[in-house]
């Protein structure tokens, strides 16, 4: 993956950060919120996989319990803020 950036673009970015450093921190917080939400969603999905004893789309004739989609839920985490997590459901 190659990223090409010109000198004027770098200068513009540095000036924006210099004039409003809080924007940079807000962008970082948003990125951390998104990453935390994705991590927690994946963790919960993996936990359901362990609970059911089979992976997603894998069928089993013995049990009747299966995945039933997911729903969005928001949590407030200290120092991060509100994080949206996809809570998996089973039936």
C-alpha atoms as a PDB file:
ATOM      1  CA  UNK A   1       0.000   0.000   0.000  1.00  0.00           C
ATOM      2  CA  UNK A   2       1.559   3.259  -1.138  1.00  0.00           C
ATOM      3  CA  UNK A   3       0.354   6.596   0.136  1.00  0.00           C
ATOM      4  CA  UNK A   4       1.397   9.627  -1.807  1.00  0.00           C
ATOM      5  CA  UNK A   5       1.172  13.021  -0.171  1.00  0.00           C
ATOM      6  CA  UNK A   6       2.517  16.333  -1.384  1.00  0.00           C
ATOM      7  CA  UNK A   7       4.406  18.954   0.621  1.00  0.00           C
ATOM      8  CA  UNK A   8       1.550  21.519   0.461  1.00  0.00           C
ATOM      9  CA  UNK A   9      -0.818  18.896   1.901  1.00  0.00           C
ATOM     10  CA  UNK A  10       1.572  18.256   4.795  1.00  0.00           C
ATOM     11  CA  UNK A  11       1.913  21.984   5.477  1.00  0.00           C
ATOM     12  CA  UNK A  12      -1.879  22.402   5.416  1.00  0.00           C
ATOM     13  CA  UNK A  13      -2.306  19.519   7.865  1.00  0.00           C
ATOM     14  CA  UNK A  14       0.316  20.905  10.255  1.00  0.00           C
ATOM     15  CA  UNK A  15      -1.327  24.341  10.139  1.00  0.00           C
ATOM     16  CA  UNK A  16      -4.746  22.835  10.909  1.00  0.00           C
ATOM     17  CA  UNK A  17      -3.315  20.972  13.897  1.00  0.00           C
ATOM     18  CA  UNK A  18      -1.524  24.108  15.080  1.00  0.00           C
ATOM     19  CA  UNK A  19      -4.669  26.261  14.851  1.00  0.00           C
ATOM     20  CA  UNK A  20      -7.075  23.737  16.390  1.00  0.00           C
ATOM     21  CA  UNK A  21      -5.332  20.888  18.246  1.00  0.00           C
ATOM     22  CA  UNK A  22      -8.624  19.814  19.829  1.00  0.00           C
ATOM     23  CA  UNK A  23      -9.820  18.637  16.397  1.00  0.00           C
ATOM     24  CA  UNK A  24      -6.934  16.164  16.249  1.00  0.00           C
ATOM     25  CA  UNK A  25      -7.776  14.783  19.678  1.00  0.00           C
ATOM     26  CA  UNK A  26     -11.461  14.498  18.760  1.00  0.00           C
ATOM     27  CA  UNK A  27     -10.558  12.571  15.579  1.00  0.00           C
ATOM     28  CA  UNK A  28      -8.359  10.258  17.667  1.00  0.00           C
ATOM     29  CA  UNK A  29     -11.167   9.716  20.191  1.00  0.00           C
ATOM     30  CA  UNK A  30     -13.611   8.875  17.401  1.00  0.00           C
ATOM     31  CA  UNK A  31     -11.153   6.368  15.955  1.00  0.00           C
ATOM     32  CA  UNK A  32     -10.604   4.799  19.388  1.00  0.00           C
ATOM     33  CA  UNK A  33     -14.375   4.577  19.947  1.00  0.00           C
ATOM     34  CA  UNK A  34     -14.832   2.825  16.618  1.00  0.00           C
ATOM     35  CA  UNK A  35     -11.949   0.403  17.259  1.00  0.00           C
ATOM     36  CA  UNK A  36     -13.212  -0.380  20.773  1.00  0.00           C
ATOM     37  CA  UNK A  37     -16.713  -1.043  19.440  1.00  0.00           C
ATOM     38  CA  UNK A  38     -15.422  -3.354  16.719  1.00  0.00           C
ATOM     39  CA  UNK A  39     -13.208  -5.192  19.219  1.00  0.00           C
ATOM     40  CA  UNK A  40     -16.031  -5.709  21.711  1.00  0.00           C
ATOM     41  CA  UNK A  41     -18.415  -6.819  18.937  1.00  0.00           C
ATOM     42  CA  UNK A  42     -15.912  -9.405  17.708  1.00  0.00           C
ATOM     43  CA  UNK A  43     -15.281 -10.563  21.271  1.00  0.00           C
ATOM     44  CA  UNK A  44     -19.006 -11.065  21.930  1.00  0.00           C
ATOM     45  CA  UNK A  45     -19.408 -12.906  18.629  1.00  0.00           C
ATOM     46  CA  UNK A  46     -16.537 -15.215  19.563  1.00  0.00           C
ATOM     47  CA  UNK A  47     -18.095 -15.787  22.984  1.00  0.00           C
ATOM     48  CA  UNK A  48     -21.361 -16.843  21.305  1.00  0.00           C
ATOM     49  CA  UNK A  49     -19.387 -19.191  19.043  1.00  0.00           C
ATOM     50  CA  UNK A  50     -17.922 -20.858  22.130  1.00  0.00           C
ATOM     51  CA  UNK A  51     -21.333 -20.985  23.818  1.00  0.00           C
ATOM     52  CA  UNK A  52     -23.008 -22.613  20.802  1.00  0.00           C
ATOM     53  CA  UNK A  53     -20.068 -24.944  20.163  1.00  0.00           C
ATOM     54  CA  UNK A  54     -19.899 -24.201  16.449  1.00  0.00           C
ATOM     55  CA  UNK A  55     -18.830 -21.452  14.077  1.00  0.00           C
ATOM     56  CA  UNK A  56     -21.059 -19.092  12.155  1.00  0.00           C
ATOM     57  CA  UNK A  57     -23.083 -20.852   9.388  1.00  0.00           C
ATOM     58  CA  UNK A  58     -22.083 -24.262  10.735  1.00  0.00           C
ATOM     59  CA  UNK A  59     -25.095 -26.567  11.216  1.00  0.00           C
ATOM     60  CA  UNK A  60     -25.651 -29.128  13.940  1.00  0.00           C
ATOM     61  CA  UNK A  61     -28.559 -31.594  14.140  1.00  0.00           C
ATOM     62  CA  UNK A  62     -28.287 -32.204  17.892  1.00  0.00           C
ATOM     63  CA  UNK A  63     -29.058 -28.743  19.321  1.00  0.00           C
ATOM     64  CA  UNK A  64     -31.829 -26.360  18.363  1.00  0.00           C
ATOM     65  CA  UNK A  65     -30.045 -23.239  19.625  1.00  0.00           C
ATOM     66  CA  UNK A  66     -28.722 -21.051  16.807  1.00  0.00           C
ATOM     67  CA  UNK A  67     -27.680 -17.477  15.987  1.00  0.00           C
ATOM     68  CA  UNK A  68     -30.433 -14.941  15.542  1.00  0.00           C
ATOM     69  CA  UNK A  69     -28.731 -11.797  14.221  1.00  0.00           C
ATOM     70  CA  UNK A  70     -27.606  -8.906  16.401  1.00  0.00           C
ATOM     71  CA  UNK A  71     -28.750  -5.554  17.698  1.00  0.00           C
ATOM     72  CA  UNK A  72     -26.893  -2.319  18.350  1.00  0.00           C
ATOM     73  CA  UNK A  73     -26.287  -1.151  21.888  1.00  0.00           C
ATOM     74  CA  UNK A  74     -24.367   1.836  23.199  1.00  0.00           C
ATOM     75  CA  UNK A  75     -22.090   1.792  26.236  1.00  0.00           C
ATOM     76  CA  UNK A  76     -20.279   4.675  27.862  1.00  0.00           C
ATOM     77  CA  UNK A  77     -16.666   3.853  28.618  1.00  0.00           C
ATOM     78  CA  UNK A  78     -14.529   5.922  30.930  1.00  0.00           C
ATOM     79  CA  UNK A  79     -12.058   8.202  29.084  1.00  0.00           C
ATOM     80  CA  UNK A  80     -13.385   7.075  25.687  1.00  0.00           C
ATOM     81  CA  UNK A  81     -17.033   8.045  25.627  1.00  0.00           C
ATOM     82  CA  UNK A  82     -20.003   6.355  24.013  1.00  0.00           C
ATOM     83  CA  UNK A  83     -19.154   3.148  22.136  1.00  0.00           C
ATOM     84  CA  UNK A  84     -21.577   1.283  19.858  1.00  0.00           C
ATOM     85  CA  UNK A  85     -21.445  -2.493  20.112  1.00  0.00           C
ATOM     86  CA  UNK A  86     -23.286  -5.116  18.033  1.00  0.00           C
ATOM     87  CA  UNK A  87     -24.760  -7.580  20.534  1.00  0.00           C
ATOM     88  CA  UNK A  88     -25.224 -11.040  18.972  1.00  0.00           C
ATOM     89  CA  UNK A  89     -28.426 -12.946  19.719  1.00  0.00           C
ATOM     90  CA  UNK A  90     -29.155 -16.638  19.915  1.00  0.00           C
ATOM     91  CA  UNK A  91     -32.399 -18.526  19.912  1.00  0.00           C
END
